[in-house]
Full PDB file with SEQRES, HELIX, SHEET, SSBOND, CRYST1, ORIGX, SCALE, CONECT and MASTER records, all heavy atoms in Angstrom:
SEQRES   1 A   37  VAL VAL ALA THR PRO LEU GLY ASN ILE GLY ASP LEU SER          
SEQRES   2 A   37  PRO ARG ALA ARG GLU VAL LEU ALA GLU ALA GLU ARG VAL          
SEQRES   3 A   37  LEU CYS GLU ASP THR ARG ARG THR ARG GLU LEU                  
HELIX    1 AA1 ILE A    9  ASP A   11  5                                   3    
HELIX    2 AA2 PRO A   14  GLU A   22  1                                   9    
HELIX    3 AA3 THR A   31  GLU A   36  1                                   6    
CRYST1    1.000    1.000    1.000  90.00  90.00  90.00 P 1           1          
ORIGX1      1.000000  0.000000  0.000000        0.00000                         
ORIGX2      0.000000  1.000000  0.000000        0.00000                         
ORIGX3      0.000000  0.000000  1.000000        0.00000                         
SCALE1      1.000000  0.000000  0.000000        0.00000                         
SCALE2      0.000000  1.000000  0.000000        0.00000                         
SCALE3      0.000000  0.000000  1.000000        0.00000                         
ATOM      1  N   VAL A   1       1.955   3.905  -6.360  1.00  0.00           N  
ATOM      2  CA  VAL A   1       1.481   5.154  -5.765  1.00  0.00           C  
ATOM      3  C   VAL A   1       0.544   4.746  -4.632  1.00  0.00           C  
ATOM      4  O   VAL A   1      -0.453   4.061  -4.865  1.00  0.00           O  
ATOM      5  CB  VAL A   1       0.753   6.043  -6.797  1.00  0.00           C  
ATOM      6  CG1 VAL A   1       0.218   7.295  -6.135  1.00  0.00           C  
ATOM      7  CG2 VAL A   1       1.689   6.383  -7.944  1.00  0.00           C  
ATOM      8  N   VAL A   2       0.898   5.153  -3.421  1.00  0.00           N  
ATOM      9  CA  VAL A   2       0.142   4.733  -2.241  1.00  0.00           C  
ATOM     10  C   VAL A   2      -0.469   5.960  -1.577  1.00  0.00           C  
ATOM     11  O   VAL A   2       0.247   6.870  -1.167  1.00  0.00           O  
ATOM     12  CB  VAL A   2       1.063   3.997  -1.236  1.00  0.00           C  
ATOM     13  CG1 VAL A   2       0.289   3.597   0.008  1.00  0.00           C  
ATOM     14  CG2 VAL A   2       1.704   2.778  -1.889  1.00  0.00           C  
ATOM     15  N   ALA A   3      -1.784   5.949  -1.477  1.00  0.00           N  
ATOM     16  CA  ALA A   3      -2.473   7.025  -0.755  1.00  0.00           C  
ATOM     17  C   ALA A   3      -2.366   6.736   0.734  1.00  0.00           C  
ATOM     18  O   ALA A   3      -2.616   5.617   1.182  1.00  0.00           O  
ATOM     19  CB  ALA A   3      -3.936   7.077  -1.181  1.00  0.00           C  
ATOM     20  N   THR A   4      -1.937   7.726   1.484  1.00  0.00           N  
ATOM     21  CA  THR A   4      -1.794   7.549   2.924  1.00  0.00           C  
ATOM     22  C   THR A   4      -2.787   8.451   3.646  1.00  0.00           C  
ATOM     23  O   THR A   4      -3.142   9.518   3.154  1.00  0.00           O  
ATOM     24  CB  THR A   4      -0.356   7.870   3.379  1.00  0.00           C  
ATOM     25  OG1 THR A   4      -0.025   9.204   2.993  1.00  0.00           O  
ATOM     26  CG2 THR A   4       0.638   6.903   2.740  1.00  0.00           C  
ATOM     27  N   PRO A   5      -3.248   8.036   4.818  1.00  0.00           N  
ATOM     28  CA  PRO A   5      -4.239   8.837   5.546  1.00  0.00           C  
ATOM     29  C   PRO A   5      -3.645  10.136   6.068  1.00  0.00           C  
ATOM     30  O   PRO A   5      -2.485  10.187   6.456  1.00  0.00           O  
ATOM     31  CB  PRO A   5      -4.661   7.923   6.696  1.00  0.00           C  
ATOM     32  CG  PRO A   5      -3.537   6.964   6.870  1.00  0.00           C  
ATOM     33  CD  PRO A   5      -2.898   6.810   5.515  1.00  0.00           C  
ATOM     34  N   LEU A   6      -4.447  11.165   6.053  1.00  0.00           N  
ATOM     35  CA  LEU A   6      -4.013  12.455   6.566  1.00  0.00           C  
ATOM     36  C   LEU A   6      -4.164  12.531   8.081  1.00  0.00           C  
ATOM     37  O   LEU A   6      -3.464  13.285   8.730  1.00  0.00           O  
ATOM     38  CB  LEU A   6      -4.827  13.582   5.927  1.00  0.00           C  
ATOM     39  CG  LEU A   6      -4.650  13.742   4.422  1.00  0.00           C  
ATOM     40  CD1 LEU A   6      -5.604  14.808   3.899  1.00  0.00           C  
ATOM     41  CD2 LEU A   6      -3.222  14.101   4.088  1.00  0.00           C  
ATOM     42  N   GLY A   7      -5.058  11.756   8.624  1.00  0.00           N  
ATOM     43  CA  GLY A   7      -5.312  11.834  10.058  1.00  0.00           C  
ATOM     44  C   GLY A   7      -5.068  10.514  10.754  1.00  0.00           C  
ATOM     45  O   GLY A   7      -3.958  10.202  11.161  1.00  0.00           O  
ATOM     46  N   ASN A   8      -6.078   9.701  10.851  1.00  0.00           N  
ATOM     47  CA  ASN A   8      -6.049   8.461  11.606  1.00  0.00           C  
ATOM     48  C   ASN A   8      -5.281   7.375  10.860  1.00  0.00           C  
ATOM     49  O   ASN A   8      -5.671   6.960   9.774  1.00  0.00           O  
ATOM     50  CB  ASN A   8      -7.490   8.017  11.872  1.00  0.00           C  
ATOM     51  CG  ASN A   8      -7.573   6.832  12.785  1.00  0.00           C  
ATOM     52  OD1 ASN A   8      -6.624   6.075  12.956  1.00  0.00           O  
ATOM     53  ND2 ASN A   8      -8.739   6.659  13.379  1.00  0.00           N  
ATOM     54  N   ILE A   9      -4.209   6.870  11.462  1.00  0.00           N  
ATOM     55  CA  ILE A   9      -3.404   5.823  10.837  1.00  0.00           C  
ATOM     56  C   ILE A   9      -4.237   4.563  10.599  1.00  0.00           C  
ATOM     57  O   ILE A   9      -3.950   3.778   9.697  1.00  0.00           O  
ATOM     58  CB  ILE A   9      -2.151   5.506  11.690  1.00  0.00           C  
ATOM     59  CG1 ILE A   9      -1.197   4.571  10.938  1.00  0.00           C  
ATOM     60  CG2 ILE A   9      -2.527   4.865  13.010  1.00  0.00           C  
ATOM     61  CD1 ILE A   9      -0.603   5.168   9.726  1.00  0.00           C  
ATOM     62  N   GLY A  10      -5.296   4.401  11.373  1.00  0.00           N  
ATOM     63  CA  GLY A  10      -6.190   3.252  11.193  1.00  0.00           C  
ATOM     64  C   GLY A  10      -6.897   3.262   9.849  1.00  0.00           C  
ATOM     65  O   GLY A  10      -7.460   2.246   9.438  1.00  0.00           O  
ATOM     66  N   ASP A  11      -6.875   4.399   9.167  1.00  0.00           N  
ATOM     67  CA  ASP A  11      -7.504   4.499   7.853  1.00  0.00           C  
ATOM     68  C   ASP A  11      -6.616   3.970   6.729  1.00  0.00           C  
ATOM     69  O   ASP A  11      -7.048   3.909   5.582  1.00  0.00           O  
ATOM     70  CB  ASP A  11      -7.891   5.952   7.548  1.00  0.00           C  
ATOM     71  CG  ASP A  11      -9.009   6.446   8.446  1.00  0.00           C  
ATOM     72  OD1 ASP A  11      -9.757   5.608   8.980  1.00  0.00           O  
ATOM     73  OD2 ASP A  11      -9.123   7.675   8.623  1.00  0.00           O  
ATOM     74  N   LEU A  12      -5.383   3.591   7.038  1.00  0.00           N  
ATOM     75  CA  LEU A  12      -4.491   3.029   6.029  1.00  0.00           C  
ATOM     76  C   LEU A  12      -5.015   1.643   5.653  1.00  0.00           C  
ATOM     77  O   LEU A  12      -5.262   0.807   6.519  1.00  0.00           O  
ATOM     78  CB  LEU A  12      -3.060   2.917   6.572  1.00  0.00           C  
ATOM     79  CG  LEU A  12      -2.009   2.440   5.579  1.00  0.00           C  
ATOM     80  CD1 LEU A  12      -1.753   3.510   4.519  1.00  0.00           C  
ATOM     81  CD2 LEU A  12      -0.714   2.104   6.293  1.00  0.00           C  
ATOM     82  N   SER A  13      -5.172   1.413   4.362  1.00  0.00           N  
ATOM     83  CA  SER A  13      -5.713   0.131   3.927  1.00  0.00           C  
ATOM     84  C   SER A  13      -4.687  -0.984   4.102  1.00  0.00           C  
ATOM     85  O   SER A  13      -3.475  -0.739   4.082  1.00  0.00           O  
ATOM     86  CB  SER A  13      -6.140   0.203   2.458  1.00  0.00           C  
ATOM     87  OG  SER A  13      -5.005   0.183   1.601  1.00  0.00           O  
ATOM     88  N   PRO A  14      -5.155  -2.210   4.279  1.00  0.00           N  
ATOM     89  CA  PRO A  14      -4.221  -3.338   4.383  1.00  0.00           C  
ATOM     90  C   PRO A  14      -3.322  -3.462   3.144  1.00  0.00           C  
ATOM     91  O   PRO A  14      -2.145  -3.773   3.260  1.00  0.00           O  
ATOM     92  CB  PRO A  14      -5.138  -4.556   4.519  1.00  0.00           C  
ATOM     93  CG  PRO A  14      -6.398  -4.010   5.107  1.00  0.00           C  
ATOM     94  CD  PRO A  14      -6.537  -2.632   4.506  1.00  0.00           C  
ATOM     95  N   ARG A  15      -3.863  -3.191   1.962  1.00  0.00           N  
ATOM     96  CA  ARG A  15      -3.067  -3.278   0.740  1.00  0.00           C  
ATOM     97  C   ARG A  15      -1.987  -2.201   0.722  1.00  0.00           C  
ATOM     98  O   ARG A  15      -0.852  -2.453   0.325  1.00  0.00           O  
ATOM     99  CB  ARG A  15      -3.966  -3.139  -0.498  1.00  0.00           C  
ATOM    100  CG  ARG A  15      -3.216  -3.200  -1.792  1.00  0.00           C  
ATOM    101  CD  ARG A  15      -2.647  -4.593  -2.046  1.00  0.00           C  
ATOM    102  NE  ARG A  15      -1.950  -4.597  -3.311  1.00  0.00           N  
ATOM    103  CZ  ARG A  15      -0.732  -5.068  -3.493  1.00  0.00           C  
ATOM    104  NH1 ARG A  15      -0.078  -5.613  -2.500  1.00  0.00           N  
ATOM    105  NH2 ARG A  15      -0.158  -5.020  -4.662  1.00  0.00           N  
ATOM    106  N   ALA A  16      -2.303  -0.997   1.168  1.00  0.00           N  
ATOM    107  CA  ALA A  16      -1.311   0.075   1.230  1.00  0.00           C  
ATOM    108  C   ALA A  16      -0.194  -0.306   2.190  1.00  0.00           C  
ATOM    109  O   ALA A  16       0.985  -0.122   1.888  1.00  0.00           O  
ATOM    110  CB  ALA A  16      -1.960   1.387   1.667  1.00  0.00           C  
ATOM    111  N   ARG A  17      -0.537  -0.883   3.327  1.00  0.00           N  
ATOM    112  CA  ARG A  17       0.470  -1.318   4.297  1.00  0.00           C  
ATOM    113  C   ARG A  17       1.367  -2.390   3.682  1.00  0.00           C  
ATOM    114  O   ARG A  17       2.582  -2.386   3.862  1.00  0.00           O  
ATOM    115  CB  ARG A  17      -0.195  -1.855   5.555  1.00  0.00           C  
ATOM    116  CG  ARG A  17       0.794  -2.150   6.652  1.00  0.00           C  
ATOM    117  CD  ARG A  17       0.103  -2.817   7.862  1.00  0.00           C  
ATOM    118  NE  ARG A  17       1.018  -3.024   8.944  1.00  0.00           N  
ATOM    119  CZ  ARG A  17       2.008  -3.910   8.956  1.00  0.00           C  
ATOM    120  NH1 ARG A  17       2.229  -4.662   7.907  1.00  0.00           N  
ATOM    121  NH2 ARG A  17       2.790  -4.035  10.006  1.00  0.00           N  
ATOM    122  N   GLU A  18       0.768  -3.316   2.959  1.00  0.00           N  
ATOM    123  CA  GLU A  18       1.530  -4.387   2.309  1.00  0.00           C  
ATOM    124  C   GLU A  18       2.533  -3.823   1.298  1.00  0.00           C  
ATOM    125  O   GLU A  18       3.693  -4.236   1.259  1.00  0.00           O  
ATOM    126  CB  GLU A  18       0.560  -5.336   1.604  1.00  0.00           C  
ATOM    127  CG  GLU A  18       1.211  -6.492   0.884  1.00  0.00           C  
ATOM    128  CD  GLU A  18       0.186  -7.357   0.176  1.00  0.00           C  
ATOM    129  OE1 GLU A  18      -0.897  -7.603   0.751  1.00  0.00           O  
ATOM    130  OE2 GLU A  18       0.467  -7.778  -0.951  1.00  0.00           O  
ATOM    131  N   VAL A  19       2.089  -2.867   0.502  1.00  0.00           N  
ATOM    132  CA  VAL A  19       2.979  -2.246  -0.485  1.00  0.00           C  
ATOM    133  C   VAL A  19       4.117  -1.513   0.225  1.00  0.00           C  
ATOM    134  O   VAL A  19       5.282  -1.628  -0.166  1.00  0.00           O  
ATOM    135  CB  VAL A  19       2.196  -1.296  -1.419  1.00  0.00           C  
ATOM    136  CG1 VAL A  19       3.132  -0.455  -2.270  1.00  0.00           C  
ATOM    137  CG2 VAL A  19       1.259  -2.100  -2.313  1.00  0.00           C  
ATOM    138  N   LEU A  20       3.799  -0.766   1.278  1.00  0.00           N  
ATOM    139  CA  LEU A  20       4.842  -0.059   2.025  1.00  0.00           C  
ATOM    140  C   LEU A  20       5.836  -1.036   2.652  1.00  0.00           C  
ATOM    141  O   LEU A  20       7.043  -0.773   2.670  1.00  0.00           O  
ATOM    142  CB  LEU A  20       4.218   0.829   3.102  1.00  0.00           C  
ATOM    143  CG  LEU A  20       3.420   2.031   2.592  1.00  0.00           C  
ATOM    144  CD1 LEU A  20       2.733   2.736   3.753  1.00  0.00           C  
ATOM    145  CD2 LEU A  20       4.294   2.982   1.812  1.00  0.00           C  
ATOM    146  N   ALA A  21       5.348  -2.172   3.141  1.00  0.00           N  
ATOM    147  CA  ALA A  21       6.219  -3.162   3.767  1.00  0.00           C  
ATOM    148  C   ALA A  21       7.224  -3.740   2.768  1.00  0.00           C  
ATOM    149  O   ALA A  21       8.328  -4.130   3.144  1.00  0.00           O  
ATOM    150  CB  ALA A  21       5.387  -4.284   4.377  1.00  0.00           C  
ATOM    151  N   GLU A  22       6.847  -3.779   1.495  1.00  0.00           N  
ATOM    152  CA  GLU A  22       7.703  -4.360   0.460  1.00  0.00           C  
ATOM    153  C   GLU A  22       8.555  -3.323  -0.270  1.00  0.00           C  
ATOM    154  O   GLU A  22       9.406  -3.689  -1.083  1.00  0.00           O  
ATOM    155  CB  GLU A  22       6.843  -5.115  -0.549  1.00  0.00           C  
ATOM    156  CG  GLU A  22       6.126  -6.308   0.066  1.00  0.00           C  
ATOM    157  CD  GLU A  22       5.171  -6.979  -0.894  1.00  0.00           C  
ATOM    158  OE1 GLU A  22       5.144  -6.604  -2.091  1.00  0.00           O  
ATOM    159  OE2 GLU A  22       4.442  -7.879  -0.452  1.00  0.00           O  
ATOM    160  N   ALA A  23       8.346  -2.053   0.013  1.00  0.00           N  
ATOM    161  CA  ALA A  23       9.040  -0.989  -0.719  1.00  0.00           C  
ATOM    162  C   ALA A  23      10.549  -1.016  -0.462  1.00  0.00           C  
ATOM    163  O   ALA A  23      10.990  -1.172   0.673  1.00  0.00           O  
ATOM    164  CB  ALA A  23       8.475   0.374  -0.325  1.00  0.00           C  
ATOM    165  N   GLU A  24      11.309  -0.849  -1.525  1.00  0.00           N  
ATOM    166  CA  GLU A  24      12.769  -0.766  -1.419  1.00  0.00           C  
ATOM    167  C   GLU A  24      13.228   0.681  -1.242  1.00  0.00           C  
ATOM    168  O   GLU A  24      14.321   0.938  -0.761  1.00  0.00           O  
ATOM    169  CB  GLU A  24      13.414  -1.350  -2.674  1.00  0.00           C  
ATOM    170  CG  GLU A  24      13.169  -2.831  -2.829  1.00  0.00           C  
ATOM    171  CD  GLU A  24      13.740  -3.378  -4.115  1.00  0.00           C  
ATOM    172  OE1 GLU A  24      14.501  -2.656  -4.794  1.00  0.00           O  
ATOM    173  OE2 GLU A  24      13.414  -4.524  -4.444  1.00  0.00           O  
ATOM    174  N   ARG A  25      12.398   1.621  -1.664  1.00  0.00           N  
ATOM    175  CA  ARG A  25      12.699   3.047  -1.569  1.00  0.00           C  
ATOM    176  C   ARG A  25      11.361   3.779  -1.643  1.00  0.00           C  
ATOM    177  O   ARG A  25      10.452   3.346  -2.318  1.00  0.00           O  
ATOM    178  CB  ARG A  25      13.593   3.477  -2.730  1.00  0.00           C  
ATOM    179  CG  ARG A  25      13.932   4.942  -2.760  1.00  0.00           C  
ATOM    180  CD  ARG A  25      14.973   5.252  -3.825  1.00  0.00           C  
ATOM    181  NE  ARG A  25      16.152   4.416  -3.738  1.00  0.00           N  
ATOM    182  CZ  ARG A  25      17.184   4.624  -2.922  1.00  0.00           C  
ATOM    183  NH1 ARG A  25      17.162   5.650  -2.102  1.00  0.00           N  
ATOM    184  NH2 ARG A  25      18.211   3.825  -2.912  1.00  0.00           N  
ATOM    185  N   VAL A  26      11.273   4.905  -0.942  1.00  0.00           N  
ATOM    186  CA  VAL A  26      10.026   5.675  -0.938  1.00  0.00           C  
ATOM    187  C   VAL A  26      10.333   7.132  -1.257  1.00  0.00           C  
ATOM    188  O   VAL A  26      11.188   7.749  -0.622  1.00  0.00           O  
ATOM    189  CB  VAL A  26       9.311   5.560   0.430  1.00  0.00           C  
ATOM    190  CG1 VAL A  26       8.111   6.488   0.494  1.00  0.00           C  
ATOM    191  CG2 VAL A  26       8.885   4.121   0.702  1.00  0.00           C  
ATOM    192  N   LEU A  27       9.620   7.655  -2.234  1.00  0.00           N  
ATOM    193  CA  LEU A  27       9.649   9.090  -2.533  1.00  0.00           C  
ATOM    194  C   LEU A  27       8.444   9.686  -1.833  1.00  0.00           C  
ATOM    195  O   LEU A  27       7.332   9.163  -1.961  1.00  0.00           O  
ATOM    196  CB  LEU A  27       9.554   9.333  -4.039  1.00  0.00           C  
ATOM    197  CG  LEU A  27      10.648   8.714  -4.895  1.00  0.00           C  
ATOM    198  CD1 LEU A  27      10.376   8.988  -6.372  1.00  0.00           C  
ATOM    199  CD2 LEU A  27      11.995   9.241  -4.508  1.00  0.00           C  
ATOM    200  N   CYS A  28       8.653  10.750  -1.094  1.00  0.00           N  
ATOM    201  CA  CYS A  28       7.556  11.306  -0.309  1.00  0.00           C  
ATOM    202  C   CYS A  28       7.695  12.815  -0.181  1.00  0.00           C  
ATOM    203  O   CYS A  28       8.750  13.382  -0.451  1.00  0.00           O  
ATOM    204  CB  CYS A  28       7.531  10.663   1.073  1.00  0.00           C  
ATOM    205  SG  CYS A  28       9.100  10.731   1.956  1.00  0.00           S  
ATOM    206  N   GLU A  29       6.603  13.438   0.241  1.00  0.00           N  
ATOM    207  CA  GLU A  29       6.615  14.885   0.438  1.00  0.00           C  
ATOM    208  C   GLU A  29       7.375  15.274   1.703  1.00  0.00           C  
ATOM    209  O   GLU A  29       8.045  16.291   1.746  1.00  0.00           O  
ATOM    210  CB  GLU A  29       5.191  15.421   0.536  1.00  0.00           C  
ATOM    211  CG  GLU A  29       4.454  15.401  -0.775  1.00  0.00           C  
ATOM    212  CD  GLU A  29       3.094  16.041  -0.633  1.00  0.00           C  
ATOM    213  OE1 GLU A  29       3.012  17.268  -0.820  1.00  0.00           O  
ATOM    214  OE2 GLU A  29       2.134  15.311  -0.336  1.00  0.00           O  
ATOM    215  N   ASP A  30       7.228  14.476   2.753  1.00  0.00           N  
ATOM    216  CA  ASP A  30       7.808  14.807   4.053  1.00  0.00           C  
ATOM    217  C   ASP A  30       8.397  13.536   4.661  1.00  0.00           C  
ATOM    218  O   ASP A  30       7.654  12.641   5.077  1.00  0.00           O  
ATOM    219  CB  ASP A  30       6.721  15.395   4.950  1.00  0.00           C  
ATOM    220  CG  ASP A  30       7.236  15.897   6.281  1.00  0.00           C  
ATOM    221  OD1 ASP A  30       8.262  15.380   6.770  1.00  0.00           O  
ATOM    222  OD2 ASP A  30       6.605  16.792   6.858  1.00  0.00           O  
ATOM    223  N   THR A  31       9.705  13.454   4.712  1.00  0.00           N  
ATOM    224  CA  THR A  31      10.349  12.236   5.200  1.00  0.00           C  
ATOM    225  C   THR A  31      10.070  11.997   6.688  1.00  0.00           C  
ATOM    226  O   THR A  31       9.951  10.845   7.110  1.00  0.00           O  
ATOM    227  CB  THR A  31      11.876  12.279   4.969  1.00  0.00           C  
ATOM    228  OG1 THR A  31      12.422  13.437   5.607  1.00  0.00           O  
ATOM    229  CG2 THR A  31      12.205  12.298   3.488  1.00  0.00           C  
ATOM    230  N   ARG A  32       9.922  13.060   7.457  1.00  0.00           N  
ATOM    231  CA  ARG A  32       9.647  12.881   8.890  1.00  0.00           C  
ATOM    232  C   ARG A  32       8.287  12.240   9.108  1.00  0.00           C  
ATOM    233  O   ARG A  32       8.147  11.294   9.895  1.00  0.00           O  
ATOM    234  CB  ARG A  32       9.723  14.218   9.632  1.00  0.00           C  
ATOM    235  CG  ARG A  32      11.127  14.794   9.667  1.00  0.00           C  
ATOM    236  CD  ARG A  32      11.113  16.218  10.137  1.00  0.00           C  
ATOM    237  NE  ARG A  32      10.332  16.988   9.163  1.00  0.00           N  
ATOM    238  CZ  ARG A  32      10.047  18.262   9.255  1.00  0.00           C  
ATOM    239  NH1 ARG A  32      10.451  18.952  10.295  1.00  0.00           N  
ATOM    240  NH2 ARG A  32       9.364  18.885   8.324  1.00  0.00           N  
ATOM    241  N   ARG A  33       7.280  12.748   8.419  1.00  0.00           N  
ATOM    242  CA  ARG A  33       5.926  12.183   8.554  1.00  0.00           C  
ATOM    243  C   ARG A  33       5.865  10.767   8.010  1.00  0.00           C  
ATOM    244  O   ARG A  33       5.189   9.906   8.570  1.00  0.00           O  
ATOM    245  CB  ARG A  33       4.905  13.061   7.825  1.00  0.00           C  
ATOM    246  CG  ARG A  33       4.768  14.453   8.366  1.00  0.00           C  
ATOM    247  CD  ARG A  33       3.902  14.546   9.577  1.00  0.00           C  
ATOM    248  NE  ARG A  33       2.541  14.193   9.228  1.00  0.00           N  
ATOM    249  CZ  ARG A  33       1.649  13.766  10.103  1.00  0.00           C  
ATOM    250  NH1 ARG A  33       1.959  13.666  11.359  1.00  0.00           N  
ATOM    251  NH2 ARG A  33       0.437  13.436   9.726  1.00  0.00           N  
ATOM    252  N   THR A  34       6.581  10.516   6.927  1.00  0.00           N  
ATOM    253  CA  THR A  34       6.585   9.171   6.342  1.00  0.00           C  
ATOM    254  C   THR A  34       7.285   8.192   7.273  1.00  0.00           C  
ATOM    255  O   THR A  34       6.831   7.058   7.445  1.00  0.00           O  
ATOM    256  CB  THR A  34       7.235   9.197   4.949  1.00  0.00           C  
ATOM    257  OG1 THR A  34       6.524  10.135   4.138  1.00  0.00           O  
ATOM    258  CG2 THR A  34       7.200   7.833   4.303  1.00  0.00           C  
ATOM    259  N   ARG A  35       8.360   8.614   7.914  1.00  0.00           N  
ATOM    260  CA  ARG A  35       9.046   7.756   8.886  1.00  0.00           C  
ATOM    261  C   ARG A  35       8.094   7.435  10.046  1.00  0.00           C  
ATOM    262  O   ARG A  35       8.036   6.304  10.529  1.00  0.00           O  
ATOM    263  CB  ARG A  35      10.311   8.440   9.401  1.00  0.00           C  
ATOM    264  CG  ARG A  35      11.254   7.503  10.099  1.00  0.00           C  
ATOM    265  CD  ARG A  35      12.598   8.139  10.418  1.00  0.00           C  
ATOM    266  NE  ARG A  35      13.221   8.889   9.340  1.00  0.00           N  
ATOM    267  CZ  ARG A  35      13.841   8.374   8.279  1.00  0.00           C  
ATOM    268  NH1 ARG A  35      13.897   7.067   8.136  1.00  0.00           N  
ATOM    269  NH2 ARG A  35      14.390   9.147   7.364  1.00  0.00           N  
ATOM    270  N   GLU A  36       7.312   8.425  10.490  1.00  0.00           N  
ATOM    271  CA  GLU A  36       6.319   8.204  11.546  1.00  0.00           C  
ATOM    272  C   GLU A  36       5.256   7.200  11.090  1.00  0.00           C  
ATOM    273  O   GLU A  36       4.815   6.363  11.888  1.00  0.00           O  
ATOM    274  CB  GLU A  36       5.649   9.515  11.938  1.00  0.00           C  
ATOM    275  CG  GLU A  36       6.555  10.480  12.671  1.00  0.00           C  
ATOM    276  CD  GLU A  36       5.911  11.845  12.877  1.00  0.00           C  
ATOM    277  OE1 GLU A  36       4.706  12.021  12.568  1.00  0.00           O  
ATOM    278  OE2 GLU A  36       6.619  12.753  13.349  1.00  0.00           O  
ATOM    279  N   LEU A  37       4.844   7.287   9.832  1.00  0.00           N  
ATOM    280  CA  LEU A  37       3.862   6.354   9.285  1.00  0.00           C  
ATOM    281  C   LEU A  37       4.401   4.927   9.336  1.00  0.00           C  
ATOM    282  O   LEU A  37       3.707   4.008   9.783  1.00  0.00           O  
ATOM    283  CB  LEU A  37       3.509   6.740   7.841  1.00  0.00           C  
ATOM    284  CG  LEU A  37       2.616   5.771   7.084  1.00  0.00           C  
ATOM    285  CD1 LEU A  37       1.220   5.750   7.675  1.00  0.00           C  
ATOM    286  CD2 LEU A  37       2.571   6.134   5.610  1.00  0.00           C  
TER     287      LEU A  37                                                      
MASTER        0    0    0    3    0    0    0    6  286    1    0    3          
END                                                                             
């Protein structure tokens, strides 16, 4: 479970970025916003 920033992408933690980089599949509320992330 990865908390993502609501505003500034710079607020994404390095660990969250690492987990996202290794993800094989992502369940999300909004695929468009997640693709932008």
